[in-house]
Amino acid sequence: MSHLDKMLVRNYWLIQRLCHTHPQLRVYIRALGRRMKRRGISPKQINDLGLALESRD
């Protein structure tokens, strides 16, 4: 996974956490999801990187 792919997934994960308190961010979640799908990033990769981010915090 390239550096850009990792940044997309990281942003997706962070915005997804804020989405519950700030519903207007859901527009960005959908846009990032479409971009990651075009780049071929699988949901498993998103989860793996997200879990790695959570374990660091």
PDB file of N, CA and C in Angstrom:
ATOM      1  N   MET A   1       0.857  -1.161   0.000  1.00  0.00           N
ATOM      2  CA  MET A   1       0.000   0.000   0.000  1.00  0.00           C
ATOM      3  C   MET A   1       0.911   1.233   0.000  1.00  0.00           C
ATOM      4  N   SER A   2       0.631   2.157  -0.896  1.00  0.00           N
ATOM      5  CA  SER A   2       1.459   3.353  -1.012  1.00  0.00           C
ATOM      6  C   SER A   2       1.184   4.320   0.140  1.00  0.00           C
ATOM      7  N   HIS A   3       2.028   5.320   0.236  1.00  0.00           N
ATOM      8  CA  HIS A   3       1.872   6.328   1.290  1.00  0.00           C
ATOM      9  C   HIS A   3       0.545   7.068   1.138  1.00  0.00           C
ATOM     10  N   LEU A   4       0.164   7.397  -0.091  1.00  0.00           N
ATOM     11  CA  LEU A   4      -1.107   8.086  -0.329  1.00  0.00           C
ATOM     12  C   LEU A   4      -2.286   7.220   0.110  1.00  0.00           C
ATOM     13  N   ASP A   5      -2.218   5.921  -0.182  1.00  0.00           N
ATOM     14  CA  ASP A   5      -3.281   5.005   0.239  1.00  0.00           C
ATOM     15  C   ASP A   5      -3.406   4.986   1.760  1.00  0.00           C
ATOM     16  N   LYS A   6      -2.274   4.943   2.445  1.00  0.00           N
ATOM     17  CA  LYS A   6      -2.297   4.929   3.907  1.00  0.00           C
ATOM     18  C   LYS A   6      -2.876   6.224   4.462  1.00  0.00           C
ATOM     19  N   MET A   7      -2.569   7.349   3.827  1.00  0.00           N
ATOM     20  CA  MET A   7      -3.116   8.629   4.282  1.00  0.00           C
ATOM     21  C   MET A   7      -4.628   8.679   4.061  1.00  0.00           C
ATOM     22  N   LEU A   8      -5.101   8.153   2.935  1.00  0.00           N
ATOM     23  CA  LEU A   8      -6.542   8.106   2.684  1.00  0.00           C
ATOM     24  C   LEU A   8      -7.256   7.274   3.743  1.00  0.00           C
ATOM     25  N   VAL A   9      -6.692   6.117   4.044  1.00  0.00           N
ATOM     26  CA  VAL A   9      -7.305   5.233   5.039  1.00  0.00           C
ATOM     27  C   VAL A   9      -7.263   5.882   6.414  1.00  0.00           C
ATOM     28  N   ARG A  10      -6.152   6.526   6.740  1.00  0.00           N
ATOM     29  CA  ARG A  10      -6.037   7.193   8.048  1.00  0.00           C
ATOM     30  C   ARG A  10      -7.084   8.294   8.182  1.00  0.00           C
ATOM     31  N   ASN A  11      -7.228   9.114   7.147  1.00  0.00           N
ATOM     32  CA  ASN A  11      -8.235  10.178   7.178  1.00  0.00           C
ATOM     33  C   ASN A  11      -9.642   9.601   7.270  1.00  0.00           C
ATOM     34  N   TYR A  12      -9.896   8.533   6.526  1.00  0.00           N
ATOM     35  CA  TYR A  12     -11.202   7.875   6.573  1.00  0.00           C
ATOM     36  C   TYR A  12     -11.500   7.402   7.991  1.00  0.00           C
ATOM     37  N   TRP A  13     -10.531   6.773   8.625  1.00  0.00           N
ATOM     38  CA  TRP A  13     -10.715   6.228   9.964  1.00  0.00           C
ATOM     39  C   TRP A  13     -10.965   7.345  10.980  1.00  0.00           C
ATOM     40  N   LEU A  14     -10.184   8.425  10.889  1.00  0.00           N
ATOM     41  CA  LEU A  14     -10.335   9.524  11.847  1.00  0.00           C
ATOM     42  C   LEU A  14     -11.667  10.251  11.662  1.00  0.00           C
ATOM     43  N   ILE A  15     -12.059  10.490  10.416  1.00  0.00           N
ATOM     44  CA  ILE A  15     -13.332  11.171  10.166  1.00  0.00           C
ATOM     45  C   ILE A  15     -14.494  10.276  10.567  1.00  0.00           C
ATOM     46  N   GLN A  16     -14.346   8.979  10.370  1.00  0.00           N
ATOM     47  CA  GLN A  16     -15.408   8.048  10.740  1.00  0.00           C
ATOM     48  C   GLN A  16     -15.674   8.095  12.245  1.00  0.00           C
ATOM     49  N   ARG A  17     -14.625   8.267  13.035  1.00  0.00           N
ATOM     50  CA  ARG A  17     -14.799   8.368  14.487  1.00  0.00           C
ATOM     51  C   ARG A  17     -15.553   9.636  14.874  1.00  0.00           C
ATOM     52  N   LEU A  18     -15.337  10.730  14.142  1.00  0.00           N
ATOM     53  CA  LEU A  18     -15.995  12.004  14.448  1.00  0.00           C
ATOM     54  C   LEU A  18     -17.398  12.100  13.870  1.00  0.00           C
ATOM     55  N   CYS A  19     -17.726  11.214  12.980  1.00  0.00           N
ATOM     56  CA  CYS A  19     -18.987  11.266  12.235  1.00  0.00           C
ATOM     57  C   CYS A  19     -20.216  11.186  13.142  1.00  0.00           C
ATOM     58  N   HIS A  20     -20.099  10.552  14.286  1.00  0.00           N
ATOM     59  CA  HIS A  20     -21.251  10.393  15.177  1.00  0.00           C
ATOM     60  C   HIS A  20     -21.648  11.708  15.832  1.00  0.00           C
ATOM     61  N   THR A  21     -20.662  12.542  16.128  1.00  0.00           N
ATOM     62  CA  THR A  21     -20.966  13.818  16.775  1.00  0.00           C
ATOM     63  C   THR A  21     -21.100  14.964  15.784  1.00  0.00           C
ATOM     64  N   HIS A  22     -20.580  14.785  14.575  1.00  0.00           N
ATOM     65  CA  HIS A  22     -20.643  15.809  13.531  1.00  0.00           C
ATOM     66  C   HIS A  22     -21.198  15.179  12.249  1.00  0.00           C
ATOM     67  N   PRO A  23     -22.513  15.076  12.115  1.00  0.00           N
ATOM     68  CA  PRO A  23     -23.112  14.376  10.969  1.00  0.00           C
ATOM     69  C   PRO A  23     -22.752  14.976   9.609  1.00  0.00           C
ATOM     70  N   GLN A  24     -22.383  16.239   9.563  1.00  0.00           N
ATOM     71  CA  GLN A  24     -22.044  16.849   8.278  1.00  0.00           C
ATOM     72  C   GLN A  24     -20.769  16.241   7.673  1.00  0.00           C
ATOM     73  N   LEU A  25     -19.991  15.526   8.458  1.00  0.00           N
ATOM     74  CA  LEU A  25     -18.773  14.885   7.957  1.00  0.00           C
ATOM     75  C   LEU A  25     -19.064  13.648   7.112  1.00  0.00           C
ATOM     76  N   ARG A  26     -20.298  13.176   7.112  1.00  0.00           N
ATOM     77  CA  ARG A  26     -20.633  11.970   6.339  1.00  0.00           C
ATOM     78  C   ARG A  26     -20.418  12.164   4.845  1.00  0.00           C
ATOM     79  N   VAL A  27     -20.493  13.387   4.384  1.00  0.00           N
ATOM     80  CA  VAL A  27     -20.216  13.678   2.973  1.00  0.00           C
ATOM     81  C   VAL A  27     -18.772  13.298   2.650  1.00  0.00           C
ATOM     82  N   TYR A  28     -17.852  13.623   3.559  1.00  0.00           N
ATOM     83  CA  TYR A  28     -16.444  13.308   3.341  1.00  0.00           C
ATOM     84  C   TYR A  28     -16.192  11.810   3.429  1.00  0.00           C
ATOM     85  N   ILE A  29     -16.918  11.131   4.305  1.00  0.00           N
ATOM     86  CA  ILE A  29     -16.772   9.676   4.428  1.00  0.00           C
ATOM     87  C   ILE A  29     -17.126   9.004   3.103  1.00  0.00           C
ATOM     88  N   ARG A  30     -18.240   9.418   2.508  1.00  0.00           N
ATOM     89  CA  ARG A  30     -18.655   8.826   1.226  1.00  0.00           C
ATOM     90  C   ARG A  30     -17.632   9.118   0.133  1.00  0.00           C
ATOM     91  N   ALA A  31     -17.126  10.351   0.093  1.00  0.00           N
ATOM     92  CA  ALA A  31     -16.151  10.724  -0.936  1.00  0.00           C
ATOM     93  C   ALA A  31     -14.857   9.930  -0.768  1.00  0.00           C
ATOM     94  N   LEU A  32     -14.375   9.806   0.461  1.00  0.00           N
ATOM     95  CA  LEU A  32     -13.161   9.028   0.694  1.00  0.00           C
ATOM     96  C   LEU A  32     -13.383   7.552   0.379  1.00  0.00           C
ATOM     97  N   GLY A  33     -14.557   7.045   0.705  1.00  0.00           N
ATOM     98  CA  GLY A  33     -14.872   5.648   0.399  1.00  0.00           C
ATOM     99  C   GLY A  33     -14.846   5.369  -1.092  1.00  0.00           C
ATOM    100  N   ARG A  34     -15.415   6.288  -1.871  1.00  0.00           N
ATOM    101  CA  ARG A  34     -15.390   6.116  -3.334  1.00  0.00           C
ATOM    102  C   ARG A  34     -13.968   6.184  -3.873  1.00  0.00           C
ATOM    103  N   ARG A  35     -13.170   7.101  -3.337  1.00  0.00           N
ATOM    104  CA  ARG A  35     -11.791   7.229  -3.810  1.00  0.00           C
ATOM    105  C   ARG A  35     -10.979   5.981  -3.464  1.00  0.00           C
ATOM    106  N   MET A  36     -11.175   5.446  -2.265  1.00  0.00           N
ATOM    107  CA  MET A  36     -10.440   4.239  -1.884  1.00  0.00           C
ATOM    108  C   MET A  36     -10.879   3.047  -2.730  1.00  0.00           C
ATOM    109  N   LYS A  37     -12.154   2.980  -3.057  1.00  0.00           N
ATOM    110  CA  LYS A  37     -12.647   1.891  -3.904  1.00  0.00           C
ATOM    111  C   LYS A  37     -12.006   1.965  -5.290  1.00  0.00           C
ATOM    112  N   ARG A  38     -11.883   3.179  -5.837  1.00  0.00           N
ATOM    113  CA  ARG A  38     -11.232   3.340  -7.142  1.00  0.00           C
ATOM    114  C   ARG A  38      -9.770   2.947  -7.098  1.00  0.00           C
ATOM    115  N   ARG A  39      -9.113   3.187  -5.957  1.00  0.00           N
ATOM    116  CA  ARG A  39      -7.701   2.848  -5.822  1.00  0.00           C
ATOM    117  C   ARG A  39      -7.493   1.375  -5.478  1.00  0.00           C
ATOM    118  N   GLY A  40      -8.579   0.637  -5.238  1.00  0.00           N
ATOM    119  CA  GLY A  40      -8.468  -0.797  -4.986  1.00  0.00           C
ATOM    120  C   GLY A  40      -8.106  -1.149  -3.555  1.00  0.00           C
ATOM    121  N   ILE A  41      -8.423  -0.272  -2.616  1.00  0.00           N
ATOM    122  CA  ILE A  41      -8.150  -0.547  -1.210  1.00  0.00           C
ATOM    123  C   ILE A  41      -9.326  -1.348  -0.655  1.00  0.00           C
ATOM    124  N   SER A  42      -9.031  -2.518  -0.123  1.00  0.00           N
ATOM    125  CA  SER A  42     -10.097  -3.400   0.364  1.00  0.00           C
ATOM    126  C   SER A  42     -10.527  -3.005   1.778  1.00  0.00           C
ATOM    127  N   PRO A  43     -11.743  -3.379   2.166  1.00  0.00           N
ATOM    128  CA  PRO A  43     -12.195  -3.111   3.538  1.00  0.00           C
ATOM    129  C   PRO A  43     -11.287  -3.747   4.597  1.00  0.00           C
ATOM    130  N   LYS A  44     -10.691  -4.891   4.272  1.00  0.00           N
ATOM    131  CA  LYS A  44      -9.778  -5.532   5.224  1.00  0.00           C
ATOM    132  C   LYS A  44      -8.561  -4.654   5.474  1.00  0.00           C
ATOM    133  N   GLN A  45      -8.028  -4.036   4.423  1.00  0.00           N
ATOM    134  CA  GLN A  45      -6.889  -3.142   4.594  1.00  0.00           C
ATOM    135  C   GLN A  45      -7.272  -1.927   5.434  1.00  0.00           C
ATOM    136  N   ILE A  46      -8.482  -1.416   5.228  1.00  0.00           N
ATOM    137  CA  ILE A  46      -8.957  -0.272   6.013  1.00  0.00           C
ATOM    138  C   ILE A  46      -9.025  -0.666   7.487  1.00  0.00           C
ATOM    139  N   ASN A  47      -9.604  -1.825   7.770  1.00  0.00           N
ATOM    140  CA  ASN A  47      -9.726  -2.280   9.156  1.00  0.00           C
ATOM    141  C   ASN A  47      -8.371  -2.544   9.794  1.00  0.00           C
ATOM    142  N   ASP A  48      -7.470  -3.174   9.052  1.00  0.00           N
ATOM    143  CA  ASP A  48      -6.152  -3.482   9.606  1.00  0.00           C
ATOM    144  C   ASP A  48      -5.396  -2.212   9.975  1.00  0.00           C
ATOM    145  N   LEU A  49      -5.407  -1.235   9.079  1.00  0.00           N
ATOM    146  CA  LEU A  49      -4.700   0.011   9.358  1.00  0.00           C
ATOM    147  C   LEU A  49      -5.392   0.789  10.475  1.00  0.00           C
ATOM    148  N   GLY A  50      -6.710   0.769  10.497  1.00  0.00           N
ATOM    149  CA  GLY A  50      -7.449   1.446  11.559  1.00  0.00           C
ATOM    150  C   GLY A  50      -7.175   0.839  12.923  1.00  0.00           C
ATOM    151  N   LEU A  51      -7.119  -0.481  12.985  1.00  0.00           N
ATOM    152  CA  LEU A  51      -6.813  -1.140  14.255  1.00  0.00           C
ATOM    153  C   LEU A  51      -5.393  -0.836  14.708  1.00  0.00           C
ATOM    154  N   ALA A  52      -4.475  -0.731  13.767  1.00  0.00           N
ATOM    155  CA  ALA A  52      -3.105  -0.355  14.117  1.00  0.00           C
ATOM    156  C   ALA A  52      -3.071   1.066  14.684  1.00  0.00           C
ATOM    157  N   LEU A  53      -3.858   1.968  14.102  1.00  0.00           N
ATOM    158  CA  LEU A  53      -3.929   3.336  14.624  1.00  0.00           C
ATOM    159  C   LEU A  53      -4.510   3.350  16.034  1.00  0.00           C
ATOM    160  N   GLU A  54      -5.556   2.571  16.259  1.00  0.00           N
ATOM    161  CA  GLU A  54      -6.191   2.530  17.576  1.00  0.00           C
ATOM    162  C   GLU A  54      -5.264   1.936  18.630  1.00  0.00           C
ATOM    163  N   SER A  55      -4.470   0.969  18.257  1.00  0.00           N
ATOM    164  CA  SER A  55      -3.587   0.344  19.237  1.00  0.00           C
ATOM    165  C   SER A  55      -2.453   1.281  19.645  1.00  0.00           C
ATOM    166  N   ARG A  56      -2.111   2.248  18.779  1.00  0.00           N
ATOM    167  CA  ARG A  56      -1.072   3.221  19.127  1.00  0.00           C
ATOM    168  C   ARG A  56      -1.579   4.250  20.119  1.00  0.00           C
ATOM    169  N   ASP A  57      -2.865   4.585  20.063  1.00  0.00           N
ATOM    170  CA  ASP A  57      -3.414   5.649  20.924  1.00  0.00           C
ATOM    171  C   ASP A  57      -3.573   5.233  22.346  1.00  0.00           C
TER     172      ASP A  57
END
